[in-house]
Amino acid sequence: MRVILLLTSFSAMSLAWSQGSIEWQTPVASVPAEFGYVNLRMELDGAGNPIILHGKSGSEGGLYCTRWVDGVLGTPVTVTDETGLFINDAEGPRMAVSGNRVVVAYQISGQWADGGRVVLSEDGGITWGAPIPIAPGATEDHFMPVPAFDDAQQPWVTVKWGASPVLEGAQFWDAETEAFLPPVDAGVAMDGAAVCECCASMPFSHAGRHYDIVRNNDNNQRDFWVVRTDVDGAWTESIDIDPTDWMINSCPASEAESCILGDGSMAAVYMSAAEGGSRVYWSTVDLDAWALTGSDRIQSAEEVTENNPSVHADASASVVAWERSQGGYNIFVAAGDGTSEAPGQWANTMTNVTEDLSGHSRRPVVRIQGSTIHLVYQRPSEGTFHYMRGNLTGTSDVPNASDVPMTLAALKDGWQVACKGEFTWRILDMQGRLIKSGIGTDGFVPFSAKGAHVLQVSSPSGQFRHRLVR
């Protein structure tokens, strides 16, 4: 057996982040139950204030926008006068914000071919324009429109397009005709011929390119991909960001959420049931190298039911929120720095923010700007949602530590690293795909496979990355 002993280096996880915390302000604010709590979405306007989208299904329902005004939640405003909207948590209306320009996309229930609509607000959600059809006169499905803004602040949408197979369509705005162009196949570069028809996709634009995070369906293998346009604007590039490769013969009706971290990389969070139950995962992608750089569960050793994760970041910090069921649903929130190392830090700062509330708390959305964290989540027993505001404290923008040698020794049945006490470890292949993970003590990692791999170790004293060769 050929064994190479390596010196490894300390990577960019500062001690300040492992000691950080979120101080939540009280009281919790909510809106009257008559305005509904389903279809909960949130974005921040140009001043960093929350714009919350929510609705109520049925003949007495509607779609509403609630803004933060003078330190309180304002009166909900009706987004559209159209009736019969398809409103539900997984597949309902979506929102995107660019400065004070807001776009909401929705579907008229039963009108799956030509019932997609977009409405725009130019003043941060105070007033709303007339509905714009995304596919007037269409005879094949243009279902579940999800909006985004391009770099020129023009709206575009992704849709579930056609049937047998269902394709991932992208429709861009034509400024000359003031209408949406016909869809193009945004998922052509993915494996298989179909996408999940009930899992909303997450489009966004960044640095001159268009991106879309799609739950693929390759003969019932359900996993998330990120696709993007090339330099010529064609949808030719894709990465499988979900190594779990979940097999299920029905659509799970869930979606990923992503953000651009301060170092320019992308982080995505999503649900998979590949390990025998619903769990929350993360993946990071180097957009410049166009490569998956890491993927794992937030807390790999916990066997609990998790779902509906949300993630956001600014230049220096990242936040993630998700629901966990242990005798009742609660909301957990965690924070980290603004680099691709952030997901490895989240487990060290996670907090149950709703443990003092009776009844279920579900489907969180979290956003951050500066040290201010905004959180909304559903309260089904109350028929409304809660809004909470927190402050990120006890952290600092510590530069990445310079390389510090650390000894790594190969044993017959694993590896020994210089790490005292309990720690978490992950083994990745050289393409960043998760191979194995666990919790160790006294520096021992039980992994003896041959070849080249990457070992990531996280402990209260920091995070280390090692290259393994046998």
Protein backbone atom coordinates (compact mmCIF):
# COMPACT_ATOMS: atom_id res chain seq x y z
CA MET A 1 0.00 0.00 0.00
CA ARG A 2 1.31 3.43 -0.97
CA VAL A 3 0.73 5.99 1.81
CA ILE A 4 1.61 9.65 1.61
CA LEU A 5 1.82 11.74 4.77
CA LEU A 6 0.83 15.33 4.08
CA LEU A 7 1.07 18.70 5.71
CA THR A 8 -2.31 20.42 5.53
CA SER A 9 -3.50 23.93 6.10
CA PHE A 10 -6.00 25.88 8.18
CA SER A 11 -8.80 27.20 5.98
CA ALA A 12 -10.96 30.27 6.16
CA MET A 13 -13.18 29.73 9.20
CA SER A 14 -12.45 32.39 11.81
CA LEU A 15 -13.00 31.75 15.50
CA ALA A 16 -15.14 34.87 15.57
CA TRP A 17 -17.84 33.13 13.54
CA SER A 18 -17.92 30.06 15.76
CA GLN A 19 -18.68 32.40 18.66
CA GLY A 20 -21.24 34.58 16.87
CA SER A 21 -24.91 34.71 17.81
CA ILE A 22 -28.18 36.32 16.79
CA GLU A 23 -30.03 38.52 19.26
CA TRP A 24 -33.72 38.57 18.35
CA GLN A 25 -35.81 41.63 19.04
CA THR A 26 -39.31 41.46 20.48
CA PRO A 27 -42.19 41.59 20.03
CA VAL A 28 -42.98 39.27 17.11
CA ALA A 29 -45.12 41.11 14.57
CA SER A 30 -47.88 39.64 12.44
CA VAL A 31 -50.75 40.72 10.20
CA PRO A 32 -54.46 39.97 10.71
CA ALA A 33 -55.51 36.44 9.77
CA GLU A 34 -57.95 37.74 7.15
CA PHE A 35 -54.99 38.41 4.84
CA GLY A 36 -53.68 34.84 4.94
CA TYR A 37 -50.38 33.23 5.73
CA VAL A 38 -49.79 30.73 2.93
CA ASN A 39 -47.50 31.28 -0.05
CA LEU A 40 -45.09 33.14 2.23
CA ARG A 41 -42.19 34.90 0.43
CA MET A 42 -39.92 37.78 1.45
CA GLU A 43 -37.31 40.01 -0.21
CA LEU A 44 -35.59 43.27 0.80
CA ASP A 45 -36.10 46.61 -0.95
CA GLY A 46 -33.37 49.08 -1.85
CA ALA A 47 -33.25 50.39 1.74
CA GLY A 48 -32.97 46.90 3.25
CA ASN A 49 -36.57 46.76 4.48
CA PRO A 50 -38.65 43.60 4.05
CA ILE A 51 -41.33 43.19 1.41
CA ILE A 52 -43.50 40.19 2.34
CA LEU A 53 -45.76 38.35 -0.10
CA HIS A 54 -48.57 36.21 1.32
CA GLY A 55 -52.01 35.02 0.43
CA LYS A 56 -55.20 33.20 1.21
CA SER A 57 -56.75 30.63 -1.09
CA GLY A 58 -60.44 30.15 -1.83
CA SER A 59 -63.22 32.47 -2.97
CA GLU A 60 -62.56 34.87 -0.09
CA GLY A 61 -58.81 34.82 -0.61
CA GLY A 62 -56.32 37.00 -2.40
CA LEU A 63 -52.64 37.86 -2.81
CA TYR A 64 -51.14 40.59 -0.63
CA CYS A 65 -47.93 42.53 -0.10
CA THR A 66 -46.95 43.76 3.36
CA ARG A 67 -44.10 46.24 3.83
CA TRP A 68 -42.10 47.45 6.81
CA VAL A 69 -43.11 51.09 7.37
CA ASP A 70 -41.78 53.34 10.16
CA GLY A 71 -40.76 50.48 12.41
CA VAL A 72 -43.91 48.35 12.02
CA LEU A 73 -45.57 46.07 9.49
CA GLY A 74 -47.87 48.20 7.36
CA THR A 75 -51.35 47.39 6.13
CA PRO A 76 -51.34 44.63 3.49
CA VAL A 77 -51.86 45.84 -0.08
CA THR A 78 -53.67 43.80 -2.74
CA VAL A 79 -51.21 42.78 -5.46
CA THR A 80 -53.78 42.06 -8.17
CA ASP A 81 -57.54 42.36 -8.62
CA GLU A 82 -57.70 39.13 -10.60
CA THR A 83 -59.54 36.28 -8.91
CA GLY A 84 -59.12 32.52 -8.96
CA LEU A 85 -55.39 32.64 -8.30
CA PHE A 86 -53.58 29.36 -7.74
CA ILE A 87 -52.23 29.98 -4.22
CA ASN A 88 -50.35 27.38 -2.23
CA ASP A 89 -47.02 27.04 -0.47
CA ALA A 90 -45.04 24.94 -2.93
CA GLU A 91 -46.30 26.07 -6.32
CA GLY A 92 -47.93 29.44 -5.71
CA PRO A 93 -46.95 33.02 -6.65
CA ARG A 94 -43.30 34.12 -6.42
CA MET A 95 -41.54 37.46 -6.08
CA ALA A 96 -38.26 39.07 -7.09
CA VAL A 97 -36.89 42.48 -6.11
CA SER A 98 -34.27 44.75 -7.67
CA GLY A 99 -33.91 48.00 -5.74
CA ASN A 100 -37.46 49.33 -5.48
CA ARG A 101 -38.64 47.43 -8.55
CA VAL A 102 -40.70 44.39 -7.56
CA VAL A 103 -42.11 41.66 -9.79
CA VAL A 104 -44.67 39.03 -8.77
CA ALA A 105 -45.60 36.08 -10.99
CA TYR A 106 -48.74 33.96 -10.46
CA GLN A 107 -51.08 31.54 -12.21
CA ILE A 108 -54.85 31.59 -12.71
CA SER A 109 -56.11 28.27 -11.39
CA GLY A 110 -57.21 25.91 -14.17
CA GLN A 111 -55.66 28.04 -16.91
CA TRP A 112 -52.41 26.09 -17.08
CA ALA A 113 -51.56 27.06 -20.67
CA ASP A 114 -52.24 30.80 -20.86
CA GLY A 115 -53.00 31.77 -17.24
CA GLY A 116 -49.51 32.86 -16.19
CA ARG A 117 -49.26 36.51 -15.18
CA VAL A 118 -46.67 39.06 -14.06
CA VAL A 119 -47.35 42.30 -12.18
CA LEU A 120 -44.79 45.02 -11.48
CA SER A 121 -44.37 47.63 -8.75
CA GLU A 122 -42.01 50.54 -9.28
CA ASP A 123 -42.23 51.85 -5.70
CA GLY A 124 -41.27 48.91 -3.52
CA GLY A 125 -44.71 47.30 -3.40
CA ILE A 126 -46.84 50.33 -2.54
CA THR A 127 -48.73 50.29 -5.86
CA TRP A 128 -49.01 47.61 -8.54
CA GLY A 129 -49.44 47.71 -12.32
CA ALA A 130 -51.84 45.80 -14.55
CA PRO A 131 -51.34 42.04 -15.06
CA ILE A 132 -49.14 41.06 -18.02
CA PRO A 133 -49.77 37.60 -19.54
CA ILE A 134 -46.59 35.59 -19.99
CA ALA A 135 -48.02 33.39 -22.76
CA PRO A 136 -51.26 34.85 -24.21
CA GLY A 137 -53.01 32.42 -26.51
CA ALA A 138 -50.79 29.46 -25.58
CA THR A 139 -52.24 25.98 -26.06
CA GLU A 140 -49.63 23.99 -24.10
CA ASP A 141 -48.75 24.33 -20.41
CA HIS A 142 -46.81 27.39 -19.24
CA PHE A 143 -47.28 26.56 -15.57
CA MET A 144 -45.79 27.86 -12.31
CA PRO A 145 -44.00 31.05 -13.46
CA VAL A 146 -41.13 32.14 -11.22
CA PRO A 147 -39.73 35.65 -11.81
CA ALA A 148 -36.25 37.15 -11.74
CA PHE A 149 -34.59 40.39 -12.83
CA ASP A 150 -31.70 40.55 -15.26
CA ASP A 151 -28.74 42.89 -14.87
CA ALA A 152 -30.69 45.64 -16.66
CA GLN A 153 -33.60 45.35 -14.17
CA GLN A 154 -35.84 43.71 -16.77
CA PRO A 155 -38.07 40.83 -15.66
CA TRP A 156 -37.84 37.26 -16.95
CA VAL A 157 -39.52 34.05 -15.82
CA THR A 158 -39.02 30.32 -15.79
CA VAL A 159 -42.00 28.00 -16.31
CA LYS A 160 -42.89 24.34 -16.37
CA TRP A 161 -43.40 24.03 -20.11
CA GLY A 162 -45.43 21.42 -21.96
CA ALA A 163 -46.23 17.88 -20.89
CA SER A 164 -44.76 14.40 -21.39
CA PRO A 165 -42.07 15.45 -20.85
CA VAL A 166 -42.36 18.61 -18.77
CA LEU A 167 -39.50 20.93 -19.79
CA GLU A 168 -37.87 23.84 -18.00
CA GLY A 169 -38.78 26.93 -20.01
CA ALA A 170 -37.19 30.38 -19.78
CA GLN A 171 -39.03 33.43 -21.08
CA PHE A 172 -37.31 36.80 -21.47
CA TRP A 173 -38.80 40.26 -21.78
CA ASP A 174 -38.86 42.03 -25.16
CA ALA A 175 -38.62 45.76 -24.46
CA GLU A 176 -39.79 46.69 -27.99
CA THR A 177 -43.06 44.78 -27.83
CA GLU A 178 -43.36 45.01 -24.03
CA ALA A 179 -44.17 41.32 -23.91
CA PHE A 180 -42.54 38.04 -22.97
CA LEU A 181 -40.83 36.04 -25.69
CA PRO A 182 -41.76 32.37 -26.26
CA PRO A 183 -39.99 29.92 -23.94
CA VAL A 184 -36.68 28.26 -24.72
CA ASP A 185 -35.51 25.00 -23.15
CA ALA A 186 -33.31 26.06 -20.21
CA GLY A 187 -32.76 22.46 -19.07
CA VAL A 188 -31.37 21.03 -22.27
CA ALA A 189 -27.90 20.50 -20.74
CA MET A 190 -29.19 18.36 -17.84
CA ASP A 191 -29.40 14.58 -17.80
CA GLY A 192 -32.76 13.11 -18.73
CA ALA A 193 -35.64 14.63 -20.64
CA ALA A 194 -37.93 16.00 -17.91
CA VAL A 195 -38.04 18.16 -14.80
CA CYS A 196 -40.16 17.90 -11.67
CA GLU A 197 -43.51 19.42 -12.57
CA CYS A 198 -44.39 20.50 -8.99
CA CYS A 199 -41.01 21.80 -7.76
CA ALA A 200 -40.60 25.52 -8.37
CA SER A 201 -37.33 26.51 -10.02
CA MET A 202 -35.20 29.40 -8.81
CA PRO A 203 -33.98 31.69 -11.61
CA PHE A 204 -31.52 34.55 -11.11
CA SER A 205 -29.07 36.66 -13.11
CA HIS A 206 -25.48 37.34 -12.11
CA ALA A 207 -22.52 38.98 -13.83
CA GLY A 208 -24.11 38.97 -17.27
CA ARG A 209 -25.41 35.40 -17.24
CA HIS A 210 -28.77 33.82 -16.44
CA TYR A 211 -29.00 30.94 -13.97
CA ASP A 212 -31.72 28.54 -12.89
CA ILE A 213 -31.77 25.94 -10.10
CA VAL A 214 -33.99 23.09 -11.25
CA ARG A 215 -35.13 19.86 -9.66
CA ASN A 216 -34.51 17.36 -12.41
CA ASN A 217 -36.43 14.16 -13.17
CA ASP A 218 -34.26 11.58 -14.91
CA ASN A 219 -36.40 8.41 -14.87
CA ASN A 220 -37.64 9.28 -11.35
CA GLN A 221 -34.19 10.23 -10.04
CA ARG A 222 -34.89 13.58 -8.42
CA ASP A 223 -31.92 15.83 -7.83
CA PHE A 224 -31.08 19.51 -8.15
CA TRP A 225 -29.04 21.03 -10.95
CA VAL A 226 -27.89 24.57 -11.62
CA VAL A 227 -28.02 25.54 -15.28
CA ARG A 228 -26.81 28.73 -16.90
CA THR A 229 -26.42 30.51 -20.21
CA ASP A 230 -23.05 30.57 -21.95
CA VAL A 231 -21.32 33.70 -23.25
CA ASP A 232 -23.61 33.62 -26.30
CA GLY A 233 -26.77 33.45 -24.18
CA ALA A 234 -27.63 29.80 -24.86
CA TRP A 235 -28.56 27.37 -22.08
CA THR A 236 -25.62 24.99 -22.55
CA GLU A 237 -23.98 24.69 -19.11
CA SER A 238 -25.11 22.62 -16.11
CA ILE A 239 -23.87 21.14 -12.83
CA ASP A 240 -25.53 18.46 -10.71
CA ILE A 241 -25.40 20.10 -7.26
CA ASP A 242 -27.27 17.34 -5.39
CA PRO A 243 -25.11 14.21 -4.92
CA THR A 244 -27.87 12.37 -3.02
CA ASP A 245 -29.66 11.21 -6.20
CA TRP A 246 -33.04 10.62 -4.61
CA MET A 247 -35.35 8.09 -6.32
CA ILE A 248 -39.10 8.70 -6.02
CA ASN A 249 -41.92 8.13 -8.51
CA SER A 250 -43.87 11.27 -7.58
CA CYS A 251 -42.95 14.93 -7.43
CA PRO A 252 -41.86 16.02 -3.91
CA ALA A 253 -43.21 19.58 -4.48
CA SER A 254 -40.24 21.36 -2.94
CA GLU A 255 -37.60 23.71 -4.24
CA ALA A 256 -34.09 24.94 -3.61
CA GLU A 257 -33.11 28.43 -2.55
CA SER A 258 -29.77 30.03 -3.38
CA CYS A 259 -27.68 33.12 -2.79
CA ILE A 260 -24.44 34.66 -4.01
CA LEU A 261 -21.91 34.74 -1.18
CA GLY A 262 -19.53 37.60 -0.54
CA ASP A 263 -16.66 35.77 -2.26
CA GLY A 264 -18.69 35.37 -5.47
CA SER A 265 -19.53 31.70 -4.99
CA MET A 266 -23.07 30.36 -4.88
CA ALA A 267 -24.68 28.54 -1.96
CA ALA A 268 -27.89 26.54 -2.34
CA VAL A 269 -30.05 24.78 0.25
CA TYR A 270 -32.67 22.13 -0.48
CA MET A 271 -34.48 19.05 0.80
CA SER A 272 -33.76 15.44 -0.11
CA ALA A 273 -35.08 12.19 1.31
CA ALA A 274 -32.24 10.01 0.06
CA GLU A 275 -31.24 9.00 3.60
CA GLY A 276 -34.64 7.57 4.52
CA GLY A 277 -36.37 10.80 5.54
CA SER A 278 -36.69 14.48 4.73
CA ARG A 279 -33.35 16.21 5.44
CA VAL A 280 -31.90 19.64 4.64
CA TYR A 281 -28.75 19.82 2.51
CA TRP A 282 -26.45 22.53 1.19
CA SER A 283 -24.19 22.77 -1.83
CA THR A 284 -21.63 25.38 -2.90
CA VAL A 285 -20.53 26.18 -6.46
CA ASP A 286 -17.52 28.14 -7.70
CA LEU A 287 -19.17 30.14 -10.48
CA ASP A 288 -15.87 31.21 -12.05
CA ALA A 289 -14.50 27.66 -12.24
CA TRP A 290 -18.05 26.34 -12.81
CA ALA A 291 -17.54 23.50 -10.35
CA LEU A 292 -19.29 22.00 -7.33
CA THR A 293 -17.06 22.71 -4.31
CA GLY A 294 -18.96 21.03 -1.48
CA SER A 295 -22.23 19.42 -0.36
CA ASP A 296 -23.56 18.00 2.91
CA ARG A 297 -26.32 18.24 5.49
CA ILE A 298 -26.21 21.19 7.86
CA GLN A 299 -26.04 18.78 10.79
CA SER A 300 -25.00 15.48 9.32
CA ALA A 301 -25.41 13.36 12.47
CA GLU A 302 -28.97 14.41 13.41
CA GLU A 303 -31.71 11.99 12.32
CA VAL A 304 -34.68 14.34 12.38
CA THR A 305 -37.29 15.46 9.85
CA GLU A 306 -36.28 18.72 8.17
CA ASN A 307 -37.64 20.72 5.25
CA ASN A 308 -38.18 24.11 3.59
CA PRO A 309 -34.72 25.69 3.96
CA SER A 310 -34.04 29.35 3.11
CA VAL A 311 -30.65 31.03 2.63
CA HIS A 312 -29.36 34.54 2.03
CA ALA A 313 -26.07 36.45 2.19
CA ASP A 314 -24.51 39.85 1.83
CA ALA A 315 -20.86 40.78 1.37
CA SER A 316 -19.70 39.57 4.79
CA ALA A 317 -22.28 37.19 6.30
CA SER A 318 -24.70 34.40 5.45
CA VAL A 319 -27.84 33.13 7.18
CA VAL A 320 -29.90 29.98 6.79
CA ALA A 321 -33.27 28.96 8.25
CA TRP A 322 -35.24 25.74 8.05
CA GLU A 323 -38.01 23.84 9.79
CA ARG A 324 -37.38 20.80 11.96
CA SER A 325 -39.95 18.38 13.37
CA GLN A 326 -39.27 16.79 16.76
CA GLY A 327 -42.72 16.37 18.28
CA GLY A 328 -43.74 19.60 16.54
CA TYR A 329 -42.36 21.94 13.90
CA ASN A 330 -39.89 24.63 14.96
CA ILE A 331 -37.71 27.10 13.08
CA PHE A 332 -33.92 26.91 13.30
CA VAL A 333 -31.64 29.75 12.18
CA ALA A 334 -27.85 29.78 11.78
CA ALA A 335 -25.23 32.24 10.55
CA GLY A 336 -21.76 32.13 9.04
CA ASP A 337 -19.34 34.27 7.10
CA GLY A 338 -19.66 35.29 3.45
CA THR A 339 -17.45 32.62 1.89
CA SER A 340 -17.92 29.13 0.54
CA GLU A 341 -16.80 27.87 3.96
CA ALA A 342 -19.99 29.26 5.53
CA PRO A 343 -22.07 26.04 5.39
CA GLY A 344 -19.47 24.31 7.55
CA GLN A 345 -19.99 27.04 10.17
CA TRP A 346 -23.78 26.93 10.32
CA ALA A 347 -23.96 23.91 12.64
CA ASN A 348 -21.93 25.82 15.24
CA THR A 349 -24.43 28.71 15.46
CA MET A 350 -27.82 27.06 14.92
CA THR A 351 -30.60 28.09 17.32
CA ASN A 352 -34.24 27.08 17.74
CA VAL A 353 -35.97 30.47 17.59
CA THR A 354 -39.55 29.23 18.15
CA GLU A 355 -39.11 26.72 20.98
CA ASP A 356 -41.06 28.96 23.40
CA LEU A 357 -44.14 29.05 21.14
CA SER A 358 -46.93 26.50 21.31
CA GLY A 359 -48.15 25.02 18.05
CA HIS A 360 -46.28 24.56 14.80
CA SER A 361 -43.96 27.11 13.17
CA ARG A 362 -43.29 26.34 9.51
CA ARG A 363 -41.85 27.42 6.14
CA PRO A 364 -39.35 30.13 7.11
CA VAL A 365 -37.83 32.74 4.83
CA VAL A 366 -34.68 34.52 6.01
CA ARG A 367 -32.83 37.56 4.64
CA ILE A 368 -29.83 39.59 5.85
CA GLN A 369 -28.37 43.03 5.21
CA GLY A 370 -25.45 44.23 7.29
CA SER A 371 -25.95 42.92 10.81
CA THR A 372 -29.77 42.88 10.54
CA ILE A 373 -31.55 39.57 9.98
CA HIS A 374 -35.17 39.38 8.85
CA LEU A 375 -37.21 36.21 9.40
CA VAL A 376 -40.79 35.27 8.53
CA TYR A 377 -42.50 31.94 9.13
CA GLN A 378 -46.01 30.50 9.16
CA ARG A 379 -48.14 30.04 12.28
CA PRO A 380 -50.95 27.70 11.11
CA SER A 381 -52.71 27.57 14.49
CA GLU A 382 -53.02 31.37 14.45
CA GLY A 383 -53.88 31.64 10.76
CA THR A 384 -51.12 34.19 10.23
CA PHE A 385 -47.37 34.54 9.92
CA HIS A 386 -44.75 35.99 12.27
CA TYR A 387 -42.04 38.49 11.41
CA MET A 388 -38.92 38.67 13.59
CA ARG A 389 -35.87 40.91 13.36
CA GLY A 390 -32.49 39.96 14.75
CA ASN A 391 -29.01 41.41 15.11
CA LEU A 392 -25.90 39.43 14.28
CA THR A 393 -23.49 39.98 17.16
CA GLY A 394 -20.17 38.69 18.44
CA THR A 395 -18.61 38.41 14.98
CA SER A 396 -15.97 40.29 13.08
CA ASP A 397 -14.59 40.33 9.56
CA VAL A 398 -11.43 38.43 10.34
CA PRO A 399 -9.28 37.88 7.23
CA ASN A 400 -8.54 34.32 6.19
CA ALA A 401 -5.83 32.81 8.35
CA SER A 402 -2.52 32.16 6.66
CA ASP A 403 -1.56 28.54 6.11
CA VAL A 404 -0.60 26.78 9.32
CA PRO A 405 0.99 23.31 8.91
CA MET A 406 -0.84 20.42 10.54
CA THR A 407 0.18 16.78 10.55
CA LEU A 408 -2.02 14.17 8.91
CA ALA A 409 -1.17 10.47 9.31
CA ALA A 410 -2.57 7.51 7.38
CA LEU A 411 -3.61 4.49 9.44
CA LYS A 412 -4.64 1.05 8.20
CA ASP A 413 -8.34 1.72 8.71
CA GLY A 414 -8.50 5.51 8.49
CA TRP A 415 -6.69 8.78 9.06
CA GLN A 416 -5.42 10.59 12.14
CA VAL A 417 -5.60 14.39 12.28
CA ALA A 418 -4.44 16.76 15.01
CA CYS A 419 -7.90 17.57 16.36
CA LYS A 420 -8.81 17.13 20.02
CA GLY A 421 -12.30 16.37 21.31
CA GLU A 422 -15.42 15.91 19.19
CA PHE A 423 -15.47 17.12 15.58
CA THR A 424 -17.43 16.59 12.37
CA TRP A 425 -15.76 15.34 9.21
CA ARG A 426 -16.64 15.03 5.53
CA ILE A 427 -14.92 13.17 2.70
CA LEU A 428 -15.30 14.65 -0.81
CA ASP A 429 -14.06 13.42 -4.15
CA MET A 430 -11.86 15.73 -6.22
CA GLN A 431 -14.96 17.16 -7.93
CA GLY A 432 -16.43 18.22 -4.57
CA ARG A 433 -19.04 15.46 -4.27
CA LEU A 434 -19.79 14.14 -0.79
CA ILE A 435 -18.54 10.56 -0.27
CA LYS A 436 -18.93 10.04 3.47
CA SER A 437 -19.43 12.08 6.66
CA GLY A 438 -19.66 11.58 10.40
CA ILE A 439 -18.67 12.68 13.90
CA GLY A 440 -15.27 11.72 15.29
CA THR A 441 -13.31 11.95 18.52
CA ASP A 442 -9.59 12.13 19.25
CA GLY A 443 -8.72 12.95 15.67
CA PHE A 444 -9.66 9.63 14.05
CA VAL A 445 -11.46 9.52 10.68
CA PRO A 446 -12.58 6.02 9.58
CA PHE A 447 -11.95 6.18 5.83
CA SER A 448 -9.51 3.86 4.09
CA ALA A 449 -10.49 4.03 0.42
CA LYS A 450 -7.70 4.34 -2.12
CA GLY A 451 -7.22 7.28 -4.46
CA ALA A 452 -7.27 11.06 -4.00
CA HIS A 453 -9.91 12.66 -1.79
CA VAL A 454 -10.50 15.83 0.24
CA LEU A 455 -11.08 15.65 4.00
CA GLN A 456 -12.86 18.56 5.71
CA VAL A 457 -12.78 18.71 9.51
CA SER A 458 -14.91 21.16 11.54
CA SER A 459 -14.48 21.67 15.27
CA PRO A 460 -15.01 24.52 17.77
CA SER A 461 -11.41 25.60 17.11
CA GLY A 462 -11.81 25.98 13.37
CA GLN A 463 -12.23 24.25 10.05
CA PHE A 464 -9.44 22.38 8.27
CA ARG A 465 -9.19 21.03 4.75
CA HIS A 466 -6.87 18.13 3.91
CA ARG A 467 -5.97 16.35 0.69
CA LEU A 468 -5.81 12.60 1.11
CA VAL A 469 -3.82 10.29 -1.16
CA ARG A 470 -3.41 6.50 -0.79
